[in-house]
Protein backbone atom coordinates (compact mmCIF):
# COMPACT_ATOMS: atom_id res chain seq x y z
CA MET A 1 -71.82 -34.15 51.18
CA ALA A 2 -75.07 -32.58 52.26
CA THR A 3 -78.76 -33.42 52.34
CA PRO A 4 -80.61 -31.56 49.55
CA PRO A 5 -83.42 -29.23 50.58
CA THR A 6 -86.96 -30.58 50.28
CA PHE A 7 -89.29 -28.93 47.77
CA ILE A 8 -92.63 -28.11 49.38
CA ALA A 9 -94.76 -26.36 46.75
CA ASP A 10 -94.98 -23.65 44.12
CA ASN A 11 -97.65 -21.08 44.98
CA GLU A 12 -98.57 -18.73 42.13
CA GLY A 13 -100.70 -15.64 41.87
CA ALA A 14 -103.72 -16.36 39.67
CA ASN A 15 -103.62 -15.62 35.96
CA TRP A 16 -100.29 -14.65 34.36
CA SER A 17 -102.19 -12.92 31.54
CA ALA A 18 -104.04 -10.42 33.77
CA THR A 19 -102.89 -6.81 34.22
CA THR A 20 -104.61 -6.36 37.59
CA THR A 21 -102.79 -5.37 40.74
CA PRO A 22 -101.99 -6.58 43.36
CA LYS A 23 -101.30 -10.25 42.66
CA THR A 24 -101.63 -12.68 45.59
CA THR A 25 -100.79 -16.37 45.99
CA ALA A 26 -103.08 -19.01 47.43
CA ALA A 27 -102.79 -19.46 51.22
CA PHE A 28 -100.30 -21.89 52.77
CA ASP A 29 -98.70 -22.78 56.09
CA SER A 30 -94.97 -22.48 56.69
CA ALA A 31 -92.56 -23.69 59.39
CA VAL A 32 -89.56 -21.96 60.94
CA GLY A 33 -86.55 -22.23 58.63
CA ASP A 34 -88.54 -22.70 55.41
CA VAL A 35 -87.06 -20.87 52.43
CA TRP A 36 -89.26 -18.90 50.03
CA VAL A 37 -87.98 -17.99 46.57
CA THR A 38 -90.33 -15.39 45.09
CA ALA A 39 -90.46 -13.79 41.64
CA SER A 40 -92.46 -10.98 40.03
CA ILE A 41 -92.43 -11.25 36.22
CA SER A 42 -94.09 -9.13 33.53
CA GLU A 43 -94.38 -9.11 29.75
CA GLY A 44 -92.15 -6.03 29.43
CA ASN A 45 -90.25 -3.47 31.47
CA GLY A 46 -92.22 -0.84 33.32
CA LEU A 47 -93.61 -3.24 35.92
CA ASN A 48 -92.10 -1.25 38.81
CA GLY A 49 -93.16 -3.92 41.26
CA ALA A 50 -92.72 -3.39 44.96
CA THR A 51 -90.95 -5.74 47.36
CA PRO A 52 -93.33 -8.64 48.12
CA THR A 53 -95.17 -8.79 51.41
CA ASN A 54 -96.79 -11.64 53.31
CA SER A 55 -100.09 -11.61 55.15
CA GLY A 56 -98.93 -12.62 58.63
CA ALA A 57 -95.94 -11.75 60.82
CA ALA A 58 -93.87 -9.74 58.38
CA GLN A 59 -91.04 -11.57 56.64
CA THR A 60 -87.92 -9.76 55.42
CA PHE A 61 -87.65 -10.23 51.65
CA THR A 62 -84.16 -9.75 50.19
CA ALA A 63 -83.90 -8.58 46.57
CA ARG A 64 -81.89 -10.97 44.38
CA GLY A 65 -81.21 -11.22 40.63
CA SER A 66 -83.32 -9.03 38.34
CA VAL A 67 -83.69 -7.87 34.74
CA ASP A 68 -85.20 -4.48 33.89
CA VAL A 69 -84.17 -3.70 30.31
CA SER A 70 -86.15 -2.03 27.52
CA ASN A 71 -87.77 -4.52 25.13
CA TYR A 72 -87.29 -7.48 27.47
CA CYS A 73 -89.56 -9.05 30.04
CA GLU A 74 -89.05 -7.58 33.51
CA LEU A 75 -88.03 -10.04 36.21
CA HIS A 76 -87.38 -9.50 39.92
CA THR A 77 -86.52 -12.24 42.42
CA PHE A 78 -86.55 -12.22 46.22
CA THR A 79 -85.85 -14.65 49.03
CA THR A 80 -86.76 -14.98 52.68
CA VAL A 81 -86.13 -17.52 55.44
CA VAL A 82 -89.14 -17.97 57.72
CA ALA A 83 -88.47 -16.74 61.25
CA ASN A 84 -91.75 -17.79 62.92
CA ALA A 85 -94.28 -20.54 62.23
CA LEU A 86 -96.95 -19.10 59.93
CA THR A 87 -100.49 -20.27 59.20
CA GLY A 88 -102.68 -19.33 56.24
CA GLN A 89 -100.04 -17.14 54.65
CA THR A 90 -100.28 -15.41 51.29
CA VAL A 91 -97.57 -13.53 49.40
CA SER A 92 -98.52 -10.40 47.46
CA ASP A 93 -96.88 -7.90 45.16
CA GLU A 94 -98.23 -4.69 43.67
CA ARG A 95 -97.47 -3.17 40.29
CA THR A 96 -97.12 0.60 40.11
CA GLY A 97 -96.05 1.06 36.48
CA THR A 98 -97.54 0.49 33.03
CA ALA A 99 -100.54 -1.84 32.76
CA LEU A 100 -98.75 -5.00 31.64
CA GLU A 101 -99.54 -8.68 31.88
CA TRP A 102 -97.66 -10.00 34.89
CA GLY A 103 -97.71 -12.34 37.85
CA ILE A 104 -95.94 -13.61 40.95
CA ASN A 105 -94.97 -16.97 42.39
CA CYS A 106 -93.41 -18.34 45.55
CA VAL A 107 -91.34 -21.55 45.46
CA ARG A 108 -90.91 -23.05 48.94
CA PHE A 109 -88.38 -25.45 50.48
CA SER A 110 -87.81 -26.99 53.90
CA GLY A 111 -84.67 -28.60 55.30
CA SER A 112 -82.40 -25.91 53.90
CA GLY A 113 -79.26 -24.19 55.08
CA GLY A 114 -80.43 -20.91 53.52
CA ILE A 115 -79.55 -19.09 50.31
CA GLY A 116 -76.29 -19.67 48.47
CA ALA A 117 -75.16 -18.24 45.13
CA VAL A 118 -77.31 -15.68 43.36
CA PRO A 119 -75.87 -14.56 40.00
CA ALA A 120 -77.07 -11.31 38.49
CA GLY A 121 -80.06 -11.71 36.21
CA GLU A 122 -79.25 -11.60 32.50
CA ALA A 123 -80.98 -10.25 29.40
CA GLU A 124 -80.01 -12.80 26.74
CA THR A 125 -79.12 -11.91 23.15
CA ASP A 126 -82.13 -11.96 20.84
CA GLY A 127 -82.55 -15.24 18.97
CA THR A 128 -80.73 -17.52 21.41
CA ALA A 129 -81.49 -20.25 23.93
CA PRO A 130 -81.23 -18.91 27.48
CA SER A 131 -78.37 -20.07 29.69
CA LEU A 132 -76.97 -18.77 32.95
CA GLY A 133 -73.86 -19.82 34.82
CA ILE A 134 -74.16 -20.25 38.58
CA THR A 135 -71.30 -21.33 40.85
CA THR A 136 -72.97 -23.15 43.71
CA THR A 137 -71.38 -22.66 47.11
CA GLY A 138 -72.66 -25.82 48.80
CA ASP A 139 -72.93 -29.49 47.91
CA ASN A 140 -76.34 -30.93 46.95
CA SER A 141 -78.11 -27.59 46.70
CA ALA A 142 -81.33 -27.00 44.79
CA ILE A 143 -81.40 -24.33 42.07
CA VAL A 144 -84.55 -22.40 41.14
CA VAL A 145 -84.60 -20.89 37.62
CA PHE A 146 -86.89 -18.26 36.08
CA VAL A 147 -87.00 -17.52 32.33
CA ALA A 148 -89.30 -15.02 30.59
CA ASP A 149 -89.29 -14.63 26.80
CA TRP A 150 -90.18 -11.30 25.18
CA ASN A 151 -90.46 -13.03 21.78
CA ALA A 152 -93.17 -15.36 23.19
CA ILE A 153 -91.83 -18.27 21.15
CA ASP A 154 -93.86 -21.48 21.26
CA GLY A 155 -92.20 -23.64 23.92
CA ALA A 156 -94.33 -26.76 23.49
CA SER A 157 -91.19 -28.77 22.62
CA ARG A 158 -89.00 -27.02 25.21
CA THR A 159 -85.88 -28.66 26.62
CA TRP A 160 -84.36 -27.64 29.94
CA ARG A 161 -80.61 -27.92 30.41
CA THR A 162 -79.38 -30.84 32.49
CA VAL A 163 -77.63 -30.41 35.85
CA ASN A 164 -76.28 -33.42 37.78
CA GLY A 165 -78.36 -35.80 35.70
CA THR A 166 -81.66 -33.91 36.12
CA THR A 167 -83.52 -32.37 33.19
CA PRO A 168 -86.67 -30.64 34.45
CA THR A 169 -89.91 -31.57 32.68
CA ALA A 170 -93.60 -31.25 33.40
CA GLY A 171 -93.66 -35.02 33.71
CA ASN A 172 -91.06 -35.34 36.47
CA GLY A 173 -92.45 -32.35 38.36
CA PHE A 174 -89.25 -30.28 38.33
CA GLU A 175 -90.74 -27.88 35.79
CA LEU A 176 -93.16 -25.79 37.82
CA THR A 177 -94.62 -23.42 35.23
CA TYR A 178 -94.93 -23.04 31.49
CA PHE A 179 -97.15 -20.19 30.28
CA ARG A 180 -97.43 -18.55 26.88
CA ASP A 181 -99.78 -16.11 25.21
CA GLY A 182 -99.31 -13.42 22.56
CA ALA A 183 -97.45 -11.14 24.98
CA TYR A 184 -94.71 -13.32 26.48
CA ALA A 185 -93.72 -16.84 27.49
CA LEU A 186 -92.72 -17.92 30.97
CA TYR A 187 -90.72 -20.90 32.27
CA ILE A 188 -90.04 -21.80 35.92
CA ALA A 189 -88.21 -24.93 37.12
CA TYR A 190 -85.92 -26.23 39.81
CA TYR A 191 -83.05 -28.69 40.02
CA PRO A 192 -83.51 -30.72 43.23
CA ASP A 193 -79.84 -31.67 43.71
CA ALA A 194 -77.09 -29.83 41.81
CA GLY A 195 -74.39 -32.20 43.09
CA ALA A 196 -70.96 -31.06 44.27
CA ALA A 197 -70.41 -27.32 44.66
CA GLY A 198 -69.08 -25.68 41.52
CA VAL A 199 -70.00 -24.17 38.17
CA LYS A 200 -73.41 -25.15 36.74
CA THR A 201 -75.23 -23.96 33.62
CA VAL A 202 -79.00 -23.63 33.92
CA GLY A 203 -81.74 -22.55 31.54
CA LEU A 204 -83.12 -24.05 28.33
CA SER A 205 -81.48 -25.37 25.17
CA ALA A 206 -84.74 -25.09 23.20
CA PRO A 207 -86.51 -23.10 21.90
CA SER A 208 -83.37 -21.48 20.51
CA THR A 209 -84.93 -18.23 19.26
CA MET A 210 -85.87 -16.50 22.51
CA LYS A 211 -85.23 -12.99 23.72
CA ALA A 212 -85.06 -14.05 27.32
CA SER A 213 -84.65 -12.65 30.80
CA ILE A 214 -83.20 -15.26 33.17
CA ALA A 215 -82.40 -15.49 36.88
CA ALA A 216 -81.40 -18.33 39.21
CA ILE A 217 -81.09 -18.84 42.97
CA GLU A 218 -79.23 -21.52 44.92
CA VAL A 219 -81.12 -23.01 47.88
CA LEU A 220 -78.58 -24.68 50.14
CA GLY A 221 -78.89 -28.16 51.54
CA VAL A 222 -77.91 -29.09 55.08
CA ALA A 223 -74.33 -30.22 55.65
CA ALA A 224 -73.97 -33.67 57.17
CA ALA A 225 -72.89 -33.53 60.80
CA ALA A 226 -69.40 -34.89 61.30
CA ALA A 227 -69.39 -37.94 63.56
CA SER A 228 -67.42 -37.29 66.68
CA LEU A 229 -64.80 -39.90 67.56
CA ALA A 230 -63.77 -38.25 70.78
CA ILE A 231 -64.23 -40.33 73.93
CA SER A 232 -64.36 -38.74 77.34
CA LYS A 233 -61.89 -39.72 80.09
CA LYS A 234 -64.71 -41.33 82.05
CA ASP A 235 -65.75 -43.37 79.00
CA ARG A 236 -62.16 -44.52 78.43
CA MET A 237 -61.90 -45.66 82.06
CA LEU A 238 -65.19 -47.52 81.77
CA MET A 239 -64.11 -49.21 78.54
CA GLY A 240 -60.80 -50.21 80.15
CA ALA A 241 -62.59 -51.73 83.12
CA LEU A 242 -64.87 -53.72 80.82
CA LEU A 243 -61.92 -55.04 78.81
CA GLN A 244 -60.12 -56.19 81.97
CA SER A 245 -63.17 -57.96 83.40
């Protein structure tokens, strides 16, 4: 067993419908060991986004799952583990390609053992509900999921897939973003505790007519420390003396 990571916040760049560049999150503070899961997502391919940057002591962002396929939304994910305490940080990304609607976000966790499984991003078959298999490597990990729909189907009655008894919704707070306009639709959620390590299926079961790009990232929990039963020689002698007294 492990202790699941603690969700801190989801910081987004303003206005998913704007084509402006760069996009920058609101400011936040971050402690050593915090995990940031960042995504740049656009209405179509041609975004050509750079690797994100932060405003303070530079963090190293590692590229993770992505989708860059013609006639699909473009999706790039990145992670970083904070090396130094940071105050008033922002995360930014800059588009260098076609003027498309796009945005960024940064999902943050504390109490984590780092990044676990990261499957390749997938471009789902047109007219299906998005699903992605992820084989978690640790017990009680969180999983962050990003879905962007080129078809821009109305997701008002959306249903996230269930993992370890959790179905993300806006009501329970595990769905972080739902956005839709005439260009694309966007869904972001996390599963706070995926249970025992193994195969999980994340995504949405409805709407079932998407043309979706999907990516997921495992954020590890912290393994429980094994209790030591070893007793030093001095302790054994002391215990023996107490028993004989």
